[in-house]
Amino acid sequence: MRSWISPFLIACLSIILPLTAAAENSTREAGFTVHHNAVPSAMLTPEIASRYGLIRSKYRGLLNVSVIKDAPGTTGQAVTARVNAQATNLTSQVIDIPMREVRDGDAIYYLGEFPIIDRERLRFSLEVQPVGVSKTIKAGLQQQFFID
């Protein structure tokens, strides 16, 4: 069985891990782990952006969410989910972030693009409902964006 980790997720993690080594970018609940991170889309390689139909820009952010069902003795199994996302800035402006599903082999993840400005700190609120599960998992993260 192929691992749920895709080239896209590896690329995102290689970008984000050095920047957020102290931050935990996942939420565990009800037998699922929701992985979530947000990065400026300019950090993506042109190849990754093209492959997934993303716009690379220092004025755009990318929210990446994946949902993994716990499976003993494995790294887990990627599952389909309904993902709703919003970002709120320090002046309480709310940005709805449309999420789209992307599949890469056994990997399933949800991508959403949103505008960013220099030094903006956004608080992301996620509602994730794995297919076939009645409980909604609430997750969140904060990220400050810097434009060179």
N, C-alpha and C. Protein backbone atom coordinates (compact mmCIF):
# COMPACT_ATOMS: atom_id res chain seq x y z
N MET A 1 0.84 -1.18 0.00
CA MET A 1 0.00 0.00 0.00
C MET A 1 0.88 1.24 0.00
N ARG A 2 0.52 2.18 -0.83
CA ARG A 2 1.29 3.41 -0.95
C ARG A 2 1.02 4.32 0.24
N SER A 3 2.04 5.00 0.69
CA SER A 3 1.89 5.93 1.81
C SER A 3 0.99 7.09 1.42
N TRP A 4 0.30 7.68 2.38
CA TRP A 4 -0.59 8.81 2.12
C TRP A 4 0.17 10.09 1.84
N ILE A 5 1.47 10.07 2.07
CA ILE A 5 2.26 11.28 1.86
C ILE A 5 2.55 11.45 0.38
N SER A 6 2.12 12.57 -0.18
CA SER A 6 2.29 12.83 -1.61
C SER A 6 3.44 13.80 -1.84
N PRO A 7 3.88 13.91 -3.09
CA PRO A 7 4.93 14.88 -3.39
C PRO A 7 4.53 16.31 -3.01
N PHE A 8 3.25 16.65 -3.17
CA PHE A 8 2.80 17.99 -2.82
C PHE A 8 2.93 18.23 -1.33
N LEU A 9 2.46 17.27 -0.54
CA LEU A 9 2.54 17.42 0.90
C LEU A 9 3.99 17.47 1.36
N ILE A 10 4.84 16.67 0.76
CA ILE A 10 6.27 16.71 1.10
C ILE A 10 6.84 18.08 0.79
N ALA A 11 6.47 18.64 -0.37
CA ALA A 11 6.96 19.98 -0.72
C ALA A 11 6.47 21.02 0.29
N CYS A 12 5.19 20.94 0.67
CA CYS A 12 4.66 21.90 1.66
C CYS A 12 5.35 21.73 3.00
N LEU A 13 5.54 20.49 3.42
CA LEU A 13 6.18 20.25 4.71
C LEU A 13 7.63 20.71 4.70
N SER A 14 8.33 20.51 3.59
CA SER A 14 9.73 20.94 3.55
C SER A 14 9.85 22.46 3.62
N ILE A 15 8.81 23.15 3.19
CA ILE A 15 8.80 24.61 3.28
C ILE A 15 8.43 25.05 4.68
N ILE A 16 7.41 24.43 5.24
CA ILE A 16 6.83 24.93 6.49
C ILE A 16 7.58 24.45 7.73
N LEU A 17 8.13 23.24 7.72
CA LEU A 17 8.76 22.72 8.93
C LEU A 17 9.89 23.59 9.46
N PRO A 18 10.80 24.08 8.63
CA PRO A 18 11.84 24.95 9.20
C PRO A 18 11.27 26.24 9.79
N LEU A 19 10.15 26.70 9.24
CA LEU A 19 9.56 27.95 9.71
C LEU A 19 8.75 27.78 10.99
N THR A 20 8.24 26.58 11.20
CA THR A 20 7.36 26.37 12.34
C THR A 20 7.77 25.15 13.15
N ALA A 21 9.04 24.99 13.37
CA ALA A 21 9.53 23.79 14.06
C ALA A 21 8.89 23.61 15.42
N ALA A 22 8.55 24.69 16.10
CA ALA A 22 7.97 24.58 17.43
C ALA A 22 6.46 24.42 17.40
N ALA A 23 5.83 24.64 16.27
CA ALA A 23 4.37 24.59 16.18
C ALA A 23 3.89 23.21 15.77
N GLU A 24 2.80 22.79 16.36
CA GLU A 24 2.17 21.53 15.97
C GLU A 24 1.09 21.88 14.96
N ASN A 25 1.19 21.36 13.75
CA ASN A 25 0.25 21.68 12.69
C ASN A 25 -0.71 20.54 12.43
N SER A 26 -1.24 19.97 13.50
CA SER A 26 -2.24 18.93 13.34
C SER A 26 -3.17 18.93 14.55
N THR A 27 -4.34 18.36 14.33
CA THR A 27 -5.35 18.23 15.37
C THR A 27 -5.81 16.78 15.36
N ARG A 28 -5.75 16.12 16.51
CA ARG A 28 -6.20 14.72 16.64
C ARG A 28 -7.51 14.69 17.40
N GLU A 29 -8.47 13.96 16.82
CA GLU A 29 -9.76 13.84 17.48
C GLU A 29 -10.55 12.70 16.84
N ALA A 30 -11.23 11.93 17.69
CA ALA A 30 -12.18 10.90 17.25
C ALA A 30 -11.59 9.91 16.24
N GLY A 31 -10.31 9.54 16.41
CA GLY A 31 -9.70 8.56 15.52
C GLY A 31 -9.18 9.12 14.21
N PHE A 32 -9.10 10.45 14.12
CA PHE A 32 -8.61 11.12 12.92
C PHE A 32 -7.53 12.13 13.29
N THR A 33 -6.62 12.36 12.37
CA THR A 33 -5.66 13.45 12.51
C THR A 33 -5.87 14.38 11.32
N VAL A 34 -6.11 15.66 11.61
CA VAL A 34 -6.26 16.68 10.58
C VAL A 34 -4.95 17.45 10.54
N HIS A 35 -4.24 17.35 9.42
CA HIS A 35 -3.00 18.10 9.22
C HIS A 35 -3.36 19.40 8.50
N HIS A 36 -2.78 20.51 8.97
CA HIS A 36 -3.13 21.80 8.37
C HIS A 36 -1.93 22.73 8.42
N ASN A 37 -1.75 23.48 7.33
CA ASN A 37 -0.73 24.52 7.32
C ASN A 37 -1.09 25.57 6.28
N ALA A 38 -0.48 26.74 6.43
CA ALA A 38 -0.71 27.85 5.51
C ALA A 38 0.64 28.46 5.16
N VAL A 39 0.85 28.69 3.87
CA VAL A 39 2.11 29.25 3.40
C VAL A 39 1.82 30.26 2.29
N PRO A 40 2.75 31.19 2.06
CA PRO A 40 2.61 32.04 0.87
C PRO A 40 2.77 31.17 -0.37
N SER A 41 1.92 31.35 -1.36
CA SER A 41 2.00 30.49 -2.54
C SER A 41 3.28 30.73 -3.34
N ALA A 42 3.94 31.85 -3.13
CA ALA A 42 5.21 32.12 -3.82
C ALA A 42 6.29 31.12 -3.41
N MET A 43 6.11 30.45 -2.27
CA MET A 43 7.10 29.48 -1.80
C MET A 43 7.02 28.16 -2.56
N LEU A 44 5.94 27.94 -3.29
CA LEU A 44 5.81 26.72 -4.07
C LEU A 44 6.72 26.78 -5.29
N THR A 45 7.20 25.64 -5.72
CA THR A 45 7.98 25.62 -6.96
C THR A 45 7.02 25.83 -8.13
N PRO A 46 7.51 26.36 -9.25
CA PRO A 46 6.64 26.51 -10.42
C PRO A 46 6.02 25.18 -10.87
N GLU A 47 6.77 24.08 -10.71
CA GLU A 47 6.27 22.77 -11.13
C GLU A 47 5.09 22.33 -10.27
N ILE A 48 5.21 22.51 -8.95
CA ILE A 48 4.12 22.12 -8.05
C ILE A 48 2.90 23.00 -8.30
N ALA A 49 3.10 24.31 -8.44
CA ALA A 49 1.99 25.22 -8.70
C ALA A 49 1.27 24.85 -9.99
N SER A 50 2.02 24.58 -11.03
CA SER A 50 1.43 24.21 -12.32
C SER A 50 0.68 22.88 -12.22
N ARG A 51 1.27 21.92 -11.56
CA ARG A 51 0.67 20.59 -11.44
C ARG A 51 -0.69 20.64 -10.75
N TYR A 52 -0.84 21.54 -9.78
CA TYR A 52 -2.08 21.60 -9.00
C TYR A 52 -2.95 22.82 -9.33
N GLY A 53 -2.59 23.54 -10.38
CA GLY A 53 -3.41 24.67 -10.82
C GLY A 53 -3.45 25.81 -9.82
N LEU A 54 -2.32 26.07 -9.16
CA LEU A 54 -2.23 27.13 -8.16
C LEU A 54 -1.52 28.36 -8.73
N ILE A 55 -1.87 29.51 -8.21
CA ILE A 55 -1.23 30.76 -8.62
C ILE A 55 -0.12 31.08 -7.63
N ARG A 56 1.11 31.20 -8.15
CA ARG A 56 2.24 31.59 -7.30
C ARG A 56 2.28 33.11 -7.23
N SER A 57 2.21 33.65 -6.02
CA SER A 57 2.27 35.09 -5.84
C SER A 57 2.63 35.39 -4.39
N LYS A 58 3.41 36.44 -4.18
CA LYS A 58 3.72 36.81 -2.80
C LYS A 58 2.51 37.45 -2.12
N TYR A 59 1.45 37.70 -2.87
CA TYR A 59 0.22 38.28 -2.32
C TYR A 59 -0.90 37.27 -2.16
N ARG A 60 -0.57 35.98 -2.29
CA ARG A 60 -1.56 34.91 -2.13
C ARG A 60 -1.04 33.87 -1.17
N GLY A 61 -1.93 33.38 -0.34
CA GLY A 61 -1.59 32.29 0.57
C GLY A 61 -2.25 31.01 0.13
N LEU A 62 -1.73 29.91 0.65
CA LEU A 62 -2.27 28.60 0.35
C LEU A 62 -2.52 27.86 1.66
N LEU A 63 -3.74 27.41 1.85
CA LEU A 63 -4.09 26.58 3.00
C LEU A 63 -4.15 25.14 2.52
N ASN A 64 -3.47 24.26 3.23
CA ASN A 64 -3.39 22.84 2.87
C ASN A 64 -3.91 22.03 4.05
N VAL A 65 -4.91 21.18 3.79
CA VAL A 65 -5.52 20.36 4.84
C VAL A 65 -5.60 18.92 4.35
N SER A 66 -5.23 17.98 5.21
CA SER A 66 -5.43 16.56 4.90
C SER A 66 -6.02 15.89 6.13
N VAL A 67 -6.79 14.84 5.88
CA VAL A 67 -7.47 14.13 6.96
C VAL A 67 -7.04 12.66 6.90
N ILE A 68 -6.48 12.19 8.00
CA ILE A 68 -5.95 10.83 8.08
C ILE A 68 -6.70 10.06 9.16
N LYS A 69 -7.24 8.91 8.77
CA LYS A 69 -7.91 8.04 9.73
C LYS A 69 -6.86 7.14 10.37
N ASP A 70 -6.89 7.08 11.71
CA ASP A 70 -5.94 6.24 12.41
C ASP A 70 -6.13 4.79 11.99
N ALA A 71 -5.03 4.10 11.73
CA ALA A 71 -5.03 2.68 11.39
C ALA A 71 -3.83 2.05 12.09
N PRO A 72 -4.07 1.23 13.11
CA PRO A 72 -2.98 0.64 13.89
C PRO A 72 -1.91 -0.02 13.00
N GLY A 73 -0.65 0.23 13.34
CA GLY A 73 0.45 -0.36 12.62
C GLY A 73 0.80 0.31 11.31
N THR A 74 0.13 1.44 11.00
CA THR A 74 0.41 2.17 9.76
C THR A 74 0.51 3.66 10.07
N THR A 75 0.81 4.44 9.03
CA THR A 75 0.81 5.89 9.18
C THR A 75 -0.59 6.46 9.05
N GLY A 76 -1.57 5.59 8.83
CA GLY A 76 -2.96 6.02 8.70
C GLY A 76 -3.42 5.96 7.26
N GLN A 77 -4.69 6.26 7.07
CA GLN A 77 -5.28 6.20 5.74
C GLN A 77 -5.96 7.53 5.43
N ALA A 78 -5.60 8.12 4.28
CA ALA A 78 -6.23 9.37 3.86
C ALA A 78 -7.71 9.12 3.59
N VAL A 79 -8.55 10.05 4.04
CA VAL A 79 -9.99 9.91 3.84
C VAL A 79 -10.57 11.19 3.25
N THR A 80 -11.68 11.02 2.58
CA THR A 80 -12.42 12.14 2.02
C THR A 80 -13.19 12.84 3.15
N ALA A 81 -13.29 14.15 3.05
CA ALA A 81 -13.99 14.91 4.08
C ALA A 81 -14.61 16.17 3.48
N ARG A 82 -15.53 16.73 4.23
CA ARG A 82 -16.05 18.06 3.91
C ARG A 82 -15.21 19.01 4.73
N VAL A 83 -14.58 19.98 4.06
CA VAL A 83 -13.69 20.92 4.76
C VAL A 83 -14.19 22.34 4.50
N ASN A 84 -14.54 23.03 5.58
CA ASN A 84 -14.90 24.45 5.50
C ASN A 84 -13.80 25.24 6.19
N ALA A 85 -13.38 26.33 5.58
CA ALA A 85 -12.28 27.11 6.14
C ALA A 85 -12.58 28.61 6.05
N GLN A 86 -12.16 29.30 7.09
CA GLN A 86 -12.23 30.76 7.14
C GLN A 86 -10.94 31.28 7.77
N ALA A 87 -10.59 32.50 7.38
CA ALA A 87 -9.47 33.19 8.02
C ALA A 87 -10.00 34.51 8.56
N THR A 88 -9.49 34.90 9.71
CA THR A 88 -9.88 36.16 10.33
C THR A 88 -8.61 36.95 10.62
N ASN A 89 -8.59 38.24 10.22
CA ASN A 89 -7.41 39.06 10.50
C ASN A 89 -7.59 39.80 11.82
N LEU A 90 -6.61 40.60 12.18
CA LEU A 90 -6.63 41.29 13.48
C LEU A 90 -7.73 42.33 13.60
N THR A 91 -8.29 42.79 12.47
CA THR A 91 -9.40 43.74 12.53
C THR A 91 -10.75 43.03 12.40
N SER A 92 -10.74 41.70 12.58
CA SER A 92 -11.94 40.86 12.58
C SER A 92 -12.61 40.73 11.22
N GLN A 93 -11.89 41.03 10.16
CA GLN A 93 -12.42 40.77 8.82
C GLN A 93 -12.32 39.28 8.56
N VAL A 94 -13.40 38.71 8.04
CA VAL A 94 -13.47 37.27 7.79
C VAL A 94 -13.34 37.00 6.30
N ILE A 95 -12.49 36.05 5.96
CA ILE A 95 -12.29 35.63 4.58
C ILE A 95 -12.73 34.18 4.48
N ASP A 96 -13.76 33.90 3.69
CA ASP A 96 -14.14 32.52 3.42
C ASP A 96 -13.14 31.95 2.42
N ILE A 97 -12.65 30.76 2.69
CA ILE A 97 -11.65 30.14 1.83
C ILE A 97 -12.26 28.90 1.19
N PRO A 98 -12.61 28.99 -0.09
CA PRO A 98 -13.14 27.80 -0.77
C PRO A 98 -12.04 26.74 -0.85
N MET A 99 -12.38 25.52 -0.47
CA MET A 99 -11.41 24.43 -0.48
C MET A 99 -11.77 23.47 -1.62
N ARG A 100 -10.74 22.98 -2.29
CA ARG A 100 -10.98 21.99 -3.34
C ARG A 100 -10.17 20.74 -3.06
N GLU A 101 -10.76 19.62 -3.39
CA GLU A 101 -10.11 18.34 -3.15
C GLU A 101 -9.11 18.04 -4.26
N VAL A 102 -7.95 17.54 -3.86
CA VAL A 102 -6.91 17.11 -4.79
C VAL A 102 -6.52 15.70 -4.39
N ARG A 103 -6.41 14.82 -5.38
CA ARG A 103 -5.97 13.45 -5.13
C ARG A 103 -4.67 13.21 -5.88
N ASP A 104 -3.78 12.51 -5.19
CA ASP A 104 -2.50 12.15 -5.78
C ASP A 104 -2.18 10.74 -5.30
N GLY A 105 -2.54 9.76 -6.12
CA GLY A 105 -2.40 8.37 -5.68
C GLY A 105 -3.36 8.12 -4.53
N ASP A 106 -2.83 7.61 -3.42
CA ASP A 106 -3.65 7.35 -2.23
C ASP A 106 -3.85 8.60 -1.37
N ALA A 107 -3.15 9.67 -1.69
CA ALA A 107 -3.24 10.90 -0.89
C ALA A 107 -4.47 11.71 -1.30
N ILE A 108 -5.11 12.30 -0.30
CA ILE A 108 -6.24 13.20 -0.52
C ILE A 108 -5.97 14.43 0.33
N TYR A 109 -6.02 15.59 -0.29
CA TYR A 109 -5.86 16.81 0.49
C TYR A 109 -6.73 17.90 -0.08
N TYR A 110 -6.90 18.94 0.69
CA TYR A 110 -7.80 20.04 0.36
C TYR A 110 -6.98 21.32 0.33
N LEU A 111 -7.14 22.07 -0.76
CA LEU A 111 -6.36 23.29 -0.96
C LEU A 111 -7.29 24.48 -1.09
N GLY A 112 -6.89 25.59 -0.48
CA GLY A 112 -7.62 26.83 -0.61
C GLY A 112 -6.67 28.00 -0.72
N GLU A 113 -6.97 28.93 -1.61
CA GLU A 113 -6.13 30.11 -1.81
C GLU A 113 -6.85 31.34 -1.26
N PHE A 114 -6.04 32.30 -0.79
CA PHE A 114 -6.59 33.50 -0.17
C PHE A 114 -5.58 34.63 -0.31
N PRO A 115 -6.05 35.89 -0.26
CA PRO A 115 -5.13 37.03 -0.36
C PRO A 115 -4.38 37.26 0.94
N ILE A 116 -3.14 37.76 0.82
CA ILE A 116 -2.36 38.13 2.01
C ILE A 116 -1.71 39.48 1.78
N ILE A 117 -1.39 40.16 2.89
CA ILE A 117 -0.62 41.40 2.83
C ILE A 117 0.55 41.27 3.81
N ASP A 118 1.52 42.15 3.66
CA ASP A 118 2.73 42.06 4.47
C ASP A 118 2.42 42.20 5.95
N ARG A 119 3.02 41.34 6.73
CA ARG A 119 2.94 41.30 8.19
C ARG A 119 1.55 40.96 8.72
N GLU A 120 0.69 40.48 7.85
CA GLU A 120 -0.66 40.13 8.26
C GLU A 120 -0.64 38.82 9.06
N ARG A 121 -1.35 38.82 10.17
CA ARG A 121 -1.52 37.60 10.97
C ARG A 121 -2.96 37.15 10.79
N LEU A 122 -3.11 35.92 10.32
CA LEU A 122 -4.43 35.36 10.11
C LEU A 122 -4.67 34.20 11.07
N ARG A 123 -5.89 34.14 11.56
CA ARG A 123 -6.34 33.03 12.39
C ARG A 123 -7.30 32.20 11.55
N PHE A 124 -6.94 30.95 11.31
CA PHE A 124 -7.72 30.05 10.47
C PHE A 124 -8.61 29.18 11.34
N SER A 125 -9.86 29.06 10.93
CA SER A 125 -10.82 28.17 11.60
C SER A 125 -11.26 27.12 10.58
N LEU A 126 -11.13 25.86 10.98
CA LEU A 126 -11.49 24.76 10.10
C LEU A 126 -12.59 23.93 10.72
N GLU A 127 -13.52 23.50 9.90
CA GLU A 127 -14.53 22.51 10.29
C GLU A 127 -14.38 21.37 9.30
N VAL A 128 -14.03 20.20 9.83
CA VAL A 128 -13.73 19.04 9.01
C VAL A 128 -14.67 17.91 9.40
N GLN A 129 -15.36 17.38 8.40
CA GLN A 129 -16.25 16.25 8.66
C GLN A 129 -15.89 15.11 7.72
N PRO A 130 -15.18 14.10 8.24
CA PRO A 130 -14.86 12.95 7.39
C PRO A 130 -16.14 12.29 6.88
N VAL A 131 -16.12 11.81 5.64
CA VAL A 131 -17.28 11.16 5.05
C VAL A 131 -17.66 9.95 5.90
N GLY A 132 -18.95 9.81 6.17
CA GLY A 132 -19.44 8.69 6.95
C GLY A 132 -19.39 8.89 8.45
N VAL A 133 -18.93 10.08 8.89
CA VAL A 133 -18.82 10.38 10.31
C VAL A 133 -19.73 11.57 10.60
N SER A 134 -20.53 11.48 11.66
CA SER A 134 -21.45 12.57 11.96
C SER A 134 -20.79 13.71 12.73
N LYS A 135 -19.70 13.43 13.41
CA LYS A 135 -19.02 14.46 14.22
C LYS A 135 -18.14 15.36 13.35
N THR A 136 -18.21 16.65 13.61
CA THR A 136 -17.34 17.61 12.93
C THR A 136 -16.13 17.89 13.82
N ILE A 137 -14.97 17.86 13.23
CA ILE A 137 -13.74 18.15 13.94
C ILE A 137 -13.42 19.63 13.71
N LYS A 138 -13.24 20.35 14.79
CA LYS A 138 -12.87 21.76 14.69
C LYS A 138 -11.37 21.88 14.92
N ALA A 139 -10.72 22.60 14.03
CA ALA A 139 -9.28 22.79 14.12
C ALA A 139 -8.96 24.23 13.80
N GLY A 140 -7.78 24.65 14.15
CA GLY A 140 -7.38 26.02 13.86
C GLY A 140 -5.88 26.18 13.89
N LEU A 141 -5.44 27.26 13.31
CA LEU A 141 -4.04 27.63 13.33
C LEU A 141 -3.93 29.12 13.10
N GLN A 142 -2.78 29.67 13.46
CA GLN A 142 -2.48 31.07 13.19
C GLN A 142 -1.19 31.13 12.39
N GLN A 143 -1.12 32.10 11.50
CA GLN A 143 0.08 32.27 10.69
C GLN A 143 0.27 33.75 10.37
N GLN A 144 1.47 34.21 10.51
CA GLN A 144 1.80 35.57 10.08
C GLN A 144 2.55 35.47 8.76
N PHE A 145 2.21 36.35 7.84
CA PHE A 145 2.79 36.32 6.50
C PHE A 145 3.68 37.54 6.29
N PHE A 146 4.81 37.32 5.66
CA PHE A 146 5.75 38.39 5.34
C PHE A 146 5.99 38.40 3.84
N ILE A 147 5.96 39.57 3.26
CA ILE A 147 6.20 39.72 1.83
C ILE A 147 7.54 40.40 1.64
N ASP A 148 8.39 39.76 0.89
CA ASP A 148 9.73 40.33 0.63
C ASP A 148 9.66 41.46 -0.36
